[in-house]
Amino acid sequence: MAGPIPDGAMLGPEDLGGVAPLEVDRDSWVRLRPPQPCEGDYPEAKAERAVTAVIDANRAPNAVMEYVGVYRPGEARRYLRELRDVLKVCEGTAWRIEATGVAGPDSLLLRYSDTFEHVDQWITHHTYLVVARKGRAVVLVADAGWETDSGDPALARKLITPALRRAAALR
């Protein structure tokens, strides 16, 4: 693929309940674009893009993010394999595999946990991500919930379907 990832390959308002996604700035969602937990030999994408939106999910706001990275031939598959292998041995960290094969054979449902102090109380917050491969692309959809409320794995699973359909346009 030459050039930037086009709008048509990313989630749009029709996928996000009418909300137009915004470009992710370089300082936001850093740990998830793409996830590279623990020590791993992760290949690098040759093109990547991320968008975010705050959508209404079950009458509550949810912050969601989509990342798409296009890799050299064979490297997207290698990224998913490396991620799966690393997470098997670095369990007990902030990262956890919740399920495999959730959006095809090359896909994972992950949970990223972060503990922080909020109004003199310690909160453990969970962000749920589905990471999947579509050809040479790695597609990730994350639901971080809102403020101290954790994300919803069902919402991440729901959004990966249109995200993968859109990424199929990438060659």
N, C-alpha and C. Protein backbone atom coordinates (compact mmCIF):
# COMPACT_ATOMS: atom_id res chain seq x y z
N MET A 1 0.84 -1.17 0.00
CA MET A 1 0.00 0.00 0.00
C MET A 1 0.89 1.24 0.00
N ALA A 2 0.57 2.17 -0.86
CA ALA A 2 1.30 3.43 -0.91
C ALA A 2 0.42 4.53 -0.35
N GLY A 3 1.02 5.42 0.45
CA GLY A 3 0.27 6.55 0.95
C GLY A 3 -0.48 6.25 2.23
N PRO A 4 -1.23 7.25 2.70
CA PRO A 4 -1.94 7.11 3.96
C PRO A 4 -3.15 6.17 3.85
N ILE A 5 -3.63 5.75 4.99
CA ILE A 5 -4.81 4.88 5.05
C ILE A 5 -6.04 5.77 4.84
N PRO A 6 -6.87 5.45 3.84
CA PRO A 6 -8.00 6.33 3.50
C PRO A 6 -9.14 6.25 4.50
N ASP A 7 -9.98 7.29 4.51
CA ASP A 7 -11.15 7.34 5.39
C ASP A 7 -12.02 6.10 5.24
N GLY A 8 -12.19 5.62 4.01
CA GLY A 8 -13.07 4.49 3.75
C GLY A 8 -12.62 3.19 4.39
N ALA A 9 -11.36 3.12 4.82
CA ALA A 9 -10.84 1.92 5.47
C ALA A 9 -10.99 1.99 6.99
N MET A 10 -11.54 3.10 7.48
CA MET A 10 -11.69 3.31 8.92
C MET A 10 -13.18 3.36 9.28
N LEU A 11 -13.49 3.10 10.54
CA LEU A 11 -14.87 3.23 11.00
C LEU A 11 -15.37 4.64 10.73
N GLY A 12 -16.65 4.73 10.35
CA GLY A 12 -17.25 6.03 10.07
C GLY A 12 -18.49 6.24 10.91
N PRO A 13 -19.15 7.39 10.72
CA PRO A 13 -20.35 7.70 11.51
C PRO A 13 -21.42 6.61 11.45
N GLU A 14 -21.57 5.98 10.29
CA GLU A 14 -22.59 4.93 10.16
C GLU A 14 -22.28 3.71 11.03
N ASP A 15 -21.01 3.54 11.43
CA ASP A 15 -20.61 2.43 12.31
C ASP A 15 -20.65 2.84 13.78
N LEU A 16 -20.66 4.14 14.03
CA LEU A 16 -20.48 4.67 15.38
C LEU A 16 -21.70 5.43 15.87
N GLY A 17 -22.89 5.02 15.43
CA GLY A 17 -24.12 5.64 15.91
C GLY A 17 -24.26 7.09 15.50
N GLY A 18 -23.70 7.47 14.35
CA GLY A 18 -23.82 8.82 13.85
C GLY A 18 -22.71 9.76 14.28
N VAL A 19 -21.78 9.29 15.10
CA VAL A 19 -20.69 10.13 15.59
C VAL A 19 -19.52 10.05 14.61
N ALA A 20 -19.02 11.21 14.19
CA ALA A 20 -17.86 11.25 13.30
C ALA A 20 -16.59 11.04 14.12
N PRO A 21 -15.76 10.08 13.73
CA PRO A 21 -14.52 9.86 14.48
C PRO A 21 -13.52 10.99 14.24
N LEU A 22 -12.64 11.18 15.20
CA LEU A 22 -11.58 12.18 15.12
C LEU A 22 -10.23 11.47 15.05
N GLU A 23 -9.27 12.10 14.39
CA GLU A 23 -7.92 11.54 14.34
C GLU A 23 -7.34 11.49 15.76
N VAL A 24 -6.62 10.45 16.05
CA VAL A 24 -5.95 10.32 17.35
C VAL A 24 -4.63 11.08 17.27
N ASP A 25 -4.39 11.94 18.26
CA ASP A 25 -3.11 12.65 18.27
C ASP A 25 -2.01 11.70 18.76
N ARG A 26 -0.79 12.09 18.54
CA ARG A 26 0.33 11.18 18.82
C ARG A 26 0.50 10.82 20.28
N ASP A 27 -0.09 11.58 21.21
CA ASP A 27 0.07 11.32 22.63
C ASP A 27 -1.10 10.54 23.26
N SER A 28 -2.11 10.22 22.48
CA SER A 28 -3.28 9.53 23.01
C SER A 28 -3.29 8.05 22.61
N TRP A 29 -3.80 7.22 23.49
CA TRP A 29 -3.96 5.79 23.25
C TRP A 29 -2.63 5.11 22.89
N VAL A 30 -1.52 5.64 23.35
CA VAL A 30 -0.19 5.19 22.93
C VAL A 30 0.03 3.70 23.19
N ARG A 31 -0.35 3.21 24.36
CA ARG A 31 -0.08 1.79 24.69
C ARG A 31 -0.89 0.81 23.84
N LEU A 32 -1.87 1.31 23.13
CA LEU A 32 -2.76 0.43 22.37
C LEU A 32 -2.57 0.55 20.86
N ARG A 33 -1.62 1.34 20.38
CA ARG A 33 -1.49 1.61 18.95
C ARG A 33 -0.18 1.14 18.38
N PRO A 34 0.00 -0.09 18.07
CA PRO A 34 -0.73 -1.26 18.53
C PRO A 34 -0.14 -1.74 19.85
N PRO A 35 -0.81 -2.65 20.53
CA PRO A 35 -0.26 -3.17 21.79
C PRO A 35 1.08 -3.87 21.55
N GLN A 36 2.04 -3.57 22.40
CA GLN A 36 3.34 -4.23 22.36
C GLN A 36 3.78 -4.51 23.79
N PRO A 37 3.01 -5.35 24.51
CA PRO A 37 3.33 -5.60 25.92
C PRO A 37 4.62 -6.38 26.10
N CYS A 38 5.18 -6.20 27.29
CA CYS A 38 6.37 -6.95 27.71
C CYS A 38 7.47 -6.79 26.67
N GLU A 39 8.35 -7.73 26.62
CA GLU A 39 9.45 -7.68 25.66
C GLU A 39 9.10 -8.58 24.49
N GLY A 40 8.95 -8.00 23.32
CA GLY A 40 8.63 -8.79 22.15
C GLY A 40 9.36 -8.26 20.94
N ASP A 41 9.44 -9.10 19.92
CA ASP A 41 10.08 -8.72 18.66
C ASP A 41 8.97 -8.41 17.66
N TYR A 42 8.31 -7.27 17.85
CA TYR A 42 7.15 -6.91 17.05
C TYR A 42 7.58 -6.24 15.74
N PRO A 43 7.01 -6.68 14.62
CA PRO A 43 7.29 -5.97 13.37
C PRO A 43 6.65 -4.59 13.38
N GLU A 44 7.16 -3.71 12.56
CA GLU A 44 6.66 -2.34 12.49
C GLU A 44 5.75 -2.17 11.28
N ALA A 45 4.64 -1.47 11.46
CA ALA A 45 3.73 -1.18 10.35
C ALA A 45 4.39 -0.18 9.42
N LYS A 46 4.12 -0.33 8.10
CA LYS A 46 4.66 0.66 7.16
C LYS A 46 3.71 1.82 6.97
N ALA A 47 2.45 1.66 7.35
CA ALA A 47 1.48 2.75 7.36
C ALA A 47 0.53 2.47 8.51
N GLU A 48 0.10 3.52 9.21
CA GLU A 48 -0.84 3.31 10.31
C GLU A 48 -1.68 4.56 10.52
N ARG A 49 -2.84 4.32 11.12
CA ARG A 49 -3.76 5.41 11.40
C ARG A 49 -4.66 4.99 12.57
N ALA A 50 -5.07 5.97 13.36
CA ALA A 50 -5.99 5.69 14.47
C ALA A 50 -7.02 6.81 14.55
N VAL A 51 -8.25 6.42 14.87
CA VAL A 51 -9.35 7.37 15.07
C VAL A 51 -10.03 7.04 16.39
N THR A 52 -10.70 8.03 16.94
CA THR A 52 -11.40 7.85 18.21
C THR A 52 -12.74 8.56 18.17
N ALA A 53 -13.64 8.11 19.03
CA ALA A 53 -14.96 8.75 19.15
C ALA A 53 -15.52 8.44 20.52
N VAL A 54 -16.40 9.30 20.99
CA VAL A 54 -17.18 9.03 22.18
C VAL A 54 -18.58 8.73 21.69
N ILE A 55 -19.01 7.49 21.91
CA ILE A 55 -20.31 7.06 21.40
C ILE A 55 -21.24 6.71 22.55
N ASP A 56 -22.52 6.65 22.25
CA ASP A 56 -23.51 6.25 23.23
C ASP A 56 -23.66 4.74 23.19
N ALA A 57 -23.40 4.10 24.29
CA ALA A 57 -23.56 2.65 24.39
C ALA A 57 -24.39 2.37 25.64
N ASN A 58 -25.58 1.85 25.44
CA ASN A 58 -26.48 1.56 26.56
C ASN A 58 -26.72 2.80 27.43
N ARG A 59 -26.97 3.91 26.77
CA ARG A 59 -27.29 5.19 27.42
C ARG A 59 -26.16 5.75 28.27
N ALA A 60 -24.95 5.40 27.93
CA ALA A 60 -23.78 5.92 28.63
C ALA A 60 -22.68 6.22 27.60
N PRO A 61 -21.86 7.22 27.83
CA PRO A 61 -20.77 7.50 26.89
C PRO A 61 -19.68 6.44 27.01
N ASN A 62 -19.11 6.09 25.88
CA ASN A 62 -17.98 5.16 25.82
C ASN A 62 -16.95 5.74 24.86
N ALA A 63 -15.70 5.78 25.30
CA ALA A 63 -14.59 6.21 24.45
C ALA A 63 -14.07 4.98 23.71
N VAL A 64 -14.11 5.05 22.38
CA VAL A 64 -13.63 3.94 21.55
C VAL A 64 -12.51 4.44 20.65
N MET A 65 -11.66 3.52 20.24
CA MET A 65 -10.56 3.84 19.35
C MET A 65 -10.39 2.71 18.36
N GLU A 66 -10.08 3.09 17.12
CA GLU A 66 -9.73 2.10 16.09
C GLU A 66 -8.33 2.41 15.60
N TYR A 67 -7.53 1.37 15.49
CA TYR A 67 -6.18 1.46 14.92
C TYR A 67 -6.10 0.52 13.74
N VAL A 68 -5.51 0.98 12.65
CA VAL A 68 -5.24 0.12 11.49
C VAL A 68 -3.78 0.32 11.12
N GLY A 69 -3.06 -0.78 11.04
CA GLY A 69 -1.66 -0.76 10.60
C GLY A 69 -1.51 -1.69 9.42
N VAL A 70 -0.83 -1.23 8.38
CA VAL A 70 -0.57 -2.06 7.20
C VAL A 70 0.89 -2.47 7.25
N TYR A 71 1.12 -3.75 7.10
CA TYR A 71 2.44 -4.34 7.25
C TYR A 71 2.95 -4.91 5.93
N ARG A 72 4.23 -5.19 5.89
CA ARG A 72 4.81 -5.89 4.73
C ARG A 72 4.23 -7.30 4.69
N PRO A 73 4.28 -7.95 3.53
CA PRO A 73 3.72 -9.31 3.43
C PRO A 73 4.25 -10.23 4.53
N GLY A 74 3.33 -10.92 5.20
CA GLY A 74 3.66 -11.87 6.26
C GLY A 74 3.85 -11.24 7.63
N GLU A 75 4.04 -9.91 7.70
CA GLU A 75 4.34 -9.27 8.97
C GLU A 75 3.11 -9.07 9.86
N ALA A 76 1.92 -8.88 9.29
CA ALA A 76 0.70 -8.76 10.11
C ALA A 76 0.45 -10.07 10.85
N ARG A 77 0.60 -11.18 10.14
CA ARG A 77 0.45 -12.49 10.78
C ARG A 77 1.50 -12.68 11.86
N ARG A 78 2.74 -12.25 11.59
CA ARG A 78 3.82 -12.38 12.57
C ARG A 78 3.54 -11.51 13.80
N TYR A 79 2.98 -10.30 13.59
CA TYR A 79 2.64 -9.44 14.73
C TYR A 79 1.66 -10.16 15.66
N LEU A 80 0.58 -10.72 15.09
CA LEU A 80 -0.43 -11.40 15.93
C LEU A 80 0.17 -12.60 16.63
N ARG A 81 1.01 -13.36 15.95
CA ARG A 81 1.65 -14.52 16.56
C ARG A 81 2.56 -14.08 17.71
N GLU A 82 3.35 -13.03 17.49
CA GLU A 82 4.25 -12.52 18.53
C GLU A 82 3.45 -12.01 19.73
N LEU A 83 2.37 -11.27 19.47
CA LEU A 83 1.53 -10.76 20.54
C LEU A 83 0.95 -11.90 21.37
N ARG A 84 0.43 -12.91 20.70
CA ARG A 84 -0.15 -14.07 21.40
C ARG A 84 0.92 -14.79 22.22
N ASP A 85 2.11 -15.01 21.63
CA ASP A 85 3.18 -15.72 22.32
C ASP A 85 3.68 -14.93 23.54
N VAL A 86 3.86 -13.63 23.37
CA VAL A 86 4.35 -12.80 24.48
C VAL A 86 3.33 -12.79 25.61
N LEU A 87 2.05 -12.65 25.28
CA LEU A 87 1.04 -12.58 26.33
C LEU A 87 0.89 -13.88 27.10
N LYS A 88 1.26 -14.99 26.50
CA LYS A 88 1.21 -16.27 27.22
C LYS A 88 2.23 -16.31 28.36
N VAL A 89 3.34 -15.61 28.19
CA VAL A 89 4.40 -15.66 29.20
C VAL A 89 4.46 -14.41 30.07
N CYS A 90 3.72 -13.37 29.72
CA CYS A 90 3.77 -12.17 30.57
C CYS A 90 2.41 -11.94 31.24
N GLU A 91 1.69 -13.03 31.48
CA GLU A 91 0.45 -12.93 32.25
C GLU A 91 0.79 -12.37 33.62
N GLY A 92 -0.16 -11.75 34.24
CA GLY A 92 0.09 -11.13 35.53
C GLY A 92 0.49 -9.67 35.39
N THR A 93 0.68 -9.23 34.15
CA THR A 93 0.95 -7.82 33.91
C THR A 93 -0.39 -7.13 33.68
N ALA A 94 -0.35 -5.96 33.13
CA ALA A 94 -1.58 -5.20 32.85
C ALA A 94 -2.39 -5.83 31.72
N TRP A 95 -1.77 -6.74 30.98
CA TRP A 95 -2.40 -7.34 29.80
C TRP A 95 -2.89 -8.75 30.07
N ARG A 96 -4.01 -9.09 29.45
CA ARG A 96 -4.53 -10.45 29.60
C ARG A 96 -5.31 -10.84 28.34
N ILE A 97 -5.11 -12.06 27.87
CA ILE A 97 -5.91 -12.61 26.77
C ILE A 97 -7.22 -13.09 27.37
N GLU A 98 -8.32 -12.53 26.91
CA GLU A 98 -9.65 -12.94 27.37
C GLU A 98 -10.22 -14.05 26.49
N ALA A 99 -9.94 -14.00 25.18
CA ALA A 99 -10.45 -15.02 24.25
C ALA A 99 -9.64 -14.96 22.95
N THR A 100 -9.64 -16.06 22.24
CA THR A 100 -9.01 -16.11 20.92
C THR A 100 -10.07 -16.46 19.89
N GLY A 101 -9.78 -16.17 18.63
CA GLY A 101 -10.69 -16.52 17.54
C GLY A 101 -12.02 -15.78 17.59
N VAL A 102 -12.05 -14.56 18.14
CA VAL A 102 -13.32 -13.83 18.30
C VAL A 102 -13.76 -13.14 17.02
N ALA A 103 -12.84 -12.96 16.08
CA ALA A 103 -13.16 -12.32 14.79
C ALA A 103 -12.34 -12.99 13.69
N GLY A 104 -12.39 -14.30 13.67
CA GLY A 104 -11.57 -15.08 12.74
C GLY A 104 -10.40 -15.71 13.47
N PRO A 105 -9.67 -16.59 12.77
CA PRO A 105 -8.59 -17.33 13.43
C PRO A 105 -7.44 -16.46 13.93
N ASP A 106 -7.15 -15.37 13.24
CA ASP A 106 -6.08 -14.46 13.66
C ASP A 106 -6.66 -13.29 14.43
N SER A 107 -7.23 -13.57 15.60
CA SER A 107 -7.82 -12.49 16.39
C SER A 107 -7.77 -12.82 17.89
N LEU A 108 -7.72 -11.76 18.68
CA LEU A 108 -7.66 -11.88 20.14
C LEU A 108 -8.56 -10.84 20.77
N LEU A 109 -9.21 -11.20 21.87
CA LEU A 109 -9.86 -10.24 22.74
C LEU A 109 -8.93 -10.07 23.92
N LEU A 110 -8.48 -8.83 24.14
CA LEU A 110 -7.54 -8.53 25.21
C LEU A 110 -8.17 -7.61 26.24
N ARG A 111 -7.64 -7.69 27.44
CA ARG A 111 -8.02 -6.74 28.49
C ARG A 111 -6.75 -6.05 28.96
N TYR A 112 -6.79 -4.72 28.96
CA TYR A 112 -5.70 -3.93 29.49
C TYR A 112 -6.21 -3.26 30.77
N SER A 113 -5.52 -3.49 31.88
CA SER A 113 -5.94 -2.97 33.18
C SER A 113 -4.98 -1.91 33.67
N ASP A 114 -5.54 -0.87 34.25
CA ASP A 114 -4.76 0.22 34.78
C ASP A 114 -5.35 0.59 36.14
N THR A 115 -4.52 0.74 37.15
CA THR A 115 -4.99 1.12 38.48
C THR A 115 -4.50 2.53 38.78
N PHE A 116 -5.41 3.36 39.25
CA PHE A 116 -5.06 4.74 39.54
C PHE A 116 -5.92 5.27 40.69
N GLU A 117 -5.45 6.37 41.26
CA GLU A 117 -6.19 6.99 42.36
C GLU A 117 -7.13 8.04 41.80
N HIS A 118 -8.38 7.99 42.27
CA HIS A 118 -9.41 8.94 41.84
C HIS A 118 -10.24 9.31 43.05
N VAL A 119 -10.22 10.58 43.43
CA VAL A 119 -10.97 11.09 44.58
C VAL A 119 -10.70 10.21 45.82
N ASP A 120 -9.43 10.08 46.14
CA ASP A 120 -8.99 9.33 47.33
C ASP A 120 -9.42 7.87 47.33
N GLN A 121 -9.62 7.32 46.16
CA GLN A 121 -10.01 5.91 46.04
C GLN A 121 -9.20 5.29 44.90
N TRP A 122 -8.75 4.05 45.12
CA TRP A 122 -8.02 3.35 44.06
C TRP A 122 -9.02 2.64 43.15
N ILE A 123 -8.87 2.88 41.87
CA ILE A 123 -9.76 2.33 40.84
C ILE A 123 -8.95 1.44 39.92
N THR A 124 -9.46 0.26 39.60
CA THR A 124 -8.88 -0.56 38.54
C THR A 124 -9.82 -0.46 37.35
N HIS A 125 -9.27 0.07 36.28
CA HIS A 125 -10.03 0.34 35.06
C HIS A 125 -9.60 -0.65 33.98
N HIS A 126 -10.57 -1.21 33.25
CA HIS A 126 -10.28 -2.18 32.18
C HIS A 126 -10.69 -1.61 30.83
N THR A 127 -9.77 -1.69 29.88
CA THR A 127 -10.05 -1.39 28.48
C THR A 127 -10.04 -2.72 27.74
N TYR A 128 -11.04 -2.93 26.90
CA TYR A 128 -11.13 -4.17 26.13
C TYR A 128 -10.82 -3.88 24.67
N LEU A 129 -10.03 -4.77 24.08
CA LEU A 129 -9.59 -4.59 22.70
C LEU A 129 -9.79 -5.89 21.93
N VAL A 130 -10.21 -5.76 20.69
CA VAL A 130 -10.15 -6.88 19.77
C VAL A 130 -9.09 -6.52 18.74
N VAL A 131 -8.11 -7.40 18.59
CA VAL A 131 -7.04 -7.24 17.62
C VAL A 131 -7.21 -8.37 16.61
N ALA A 132 -7.26 -8.01 15.32
CA ALA A 132 -7.47 -9.02 14.29
C ALA A 132 -6.65 -8.67 13.06
N ARG A 133 -6.43 -9.68 12.24
CA ARG A 133 -5.70 -9.48 10.98
C ARG A 133 -6.66 -9.58 9.81
N LYS A 134 -6.49 -8.69 8.85
CA LYS A 134 -7.24 -8.74 7.59
C LYS A 134 -6.21 -8.53 6.49
N GLY A 135 -5.76 -9.63 5.88
CA GLY A 135 -4.71 -9.54 4.88
C GLY A 135 -3.43 -9.01 5.49
N ARG A 136 -2.92 -7.90 4.96
CA ARG A 136 -1.69 -7.29 5.46
C ARG A 136 -1.95 -6.26 6.55
N ALA A 137 -3.21 -6.13 6.97
CA ALA A 137 -3.57 -5.12 7.98
C ALA A 137 -3.82 -5.76 9.34
N VAL A 138 -3.39 -5.05 10.37
CA VAL A 138 -3.77 -5.36 11.74
C VAL A 138 -4.81 -4.31 12.11
N VAL A 139 -5.98 -4.79 12.53
CA VAL A 139 -7.09 -3.91 12.89
C VAL A 139 -7.39 -4.12 14.36
N LEU A 140 -7.52 -3.02 15.08
CA LEU A 140 -7.78 -3.07 16.50
C LEU A 140 -8.93 -2.13 16.82
N VAL A 141 -9.85 -2.60 17.64
CA VAL A 141 -10.93 -1.75 18.16
C VAL A 141 -10.89 -1.88 19.67
N ALA A 142 -10.87 -0.73 20.35
CA ALA A 142 -10.80 -0.71 21.82
C ALA A 142 -11.98 0.07 22.38
N ASP A 143 -12.51 -0.41 23.50
CA ASP A 143 -13.52 0.32 24.27
C ASP A 143 -12.93 0.57 25.65
N ALA A 144 -12.75 1.85 25.96
CA ALA A 144 -12.18 2.23 27.26
C ALA A 144 -13.24 2.65 28.27
N GLY A 145 -14.51 2.55 27.90
CA GLY A 145 -15.55 2.98 28.81
C GLY A 145 -15.54 4.50 28.93
N TRP A 146 -15.83 5.00 30.14
CA TRP A 146 -15.86 6.44 30.34
C TRP A 146 -15.39 6.76 31.75
N GLU A 147 -14.44 7.63 31.85
CA GLU A 147 -13.87 8.05 33.12
C GLU A 147 -13.48 6.83 33.95
N THR A 148 -14.13 6.57 35.08
CA THR A 148 -13.73 5.44 35.92
C THR A 148 -14.48 4.16 35.58
N ASP A 149 -15.46 4.23 34.68
CA ASP A 149 -16.19 3.03 34.26
C ASP A 149 -15.39 2.30 33.19
N SER A 150 -15.21 1.00 33.37
CA SER A 150 -14.46 0.19 32.42
C SER A 150 -15.19 0.04 31.10
N GLY A 151 -14.44 -0.38 30.09
CA GLY A 151 -15.02 -0.66 28.79
C GLY A 151 -15.84 -1.92 28.81
N ASP A 152 -16.43 -2.24 27.67
CA ASP A 152 -17.30 -3.40 27.52
C ASP A 152 -16.75 -4.29 26.41
N PRO A 153 -16.39 -5.53 26.72
CA PRO A 153 -15.87 -6.40 25.68
C PRO A 153 -16.88 -6.64 24.55
N ALA A 154 -18.17 -6.63 24.86
CA ALA A 154 -19.18 -6.84 23.83
C ALA A 154 -19.17 -5.71 22.81
N LEU A 155 -18.93 -4.49 23.25
CA LEU A 155 -18.88 -3.37 22.31
C LEU A 155 -17.65 -3.48 21.40
N ALA A 156 -16.51 -3.86 21.95
CA ALA A 156 -15.32 -4.06 21.12
C ALA A 156 -15.57 -5.16 20.09
N ARG A 157 -16.21 -6.24 20.50
CA ARG A 157 -16.53 -7.34 19.57
C ARG A 157 -17.49 -6.86 18.48
N LYS A 158 -18.46 -6.03 18.85
CA LYS A 158 -19.43 -5.53 17.88
C LYS A 158 -18.76 -4.64 16.83
N LEU A 159 -17.86 -3.77 17.26
CA LEU A 159 -17.23 -2.82 16.34
C LEU A 159 -16.16 -3.44 15.45
N ILE A 160 -15.60 -4.58 15.84
CA ILE A 160 -14.56 -5.18 14.99
C ILE A 160 -15.13 -5.66 13.66
N THR A 161 -16.40 -6.05 13.63
CA THR A 161 -16.98 -6.55 12.38
C THR A 161 -16.98 -5.48 11.28
N PRO A 162 -17.55 -4.29 11.51
CA PRO A 162 -17.46 -3.28 10.45
C PRO A 162 -16.02 -2.80 10.22
N ALA A 163 -15.19 -2.80 11.26
CA ALA A 163 -13.80 -2.38 11.08
C ALA A 163 -13.06 -3.32 10.13
N LEU A 164 -13.26 -4.61 10.27
CA LEU A 164 -12.62 -5.58 9.38
C LEU A 164 -13.18 -5.48 7.98
N ARG A 165 -14.48 -5.27 7.86
CA ARG A 165 -15.10 -5.11 6.54
C ARG A 165 -14.49 -3.92 5.82
N ARG A 166 -14.31 -2.82 6.51
CA ARG A 166 -13.72 -1.62 5.90
C ARG A 166 -12.24 -1.83 5.56
N ALA A 167 -11.51 -2.53 6.41
CA ALA A 167 -10.08 -2.77 6.16
C ALA A 167 -9.85 -3.69 4.98
N ALA A 168 -10.87 -4.43 4.57
CA ALA A 168 -10.73 -5.32 3.41
C ALA A 168 -10.39 -4.53 2.15
N ALA A 169 -10.69 -3.22 2.12
CA ALA A 169 -10.38 -2.39 0.96
C ALA A 169 -8.88 -2.13 0.82
N LEU A 170 -8.12 -2.35 1.88
CA LEU A 170 -6.68 -2.12 1.83
C LEU A 170 -6.00 -3.28 1.11
N ARG A 171 -5.09 -2.97 0.26
CA ARG A 171 -4.36 -4.02 -0.48
C ARG A 171 -2.89 -3.90 -0.22
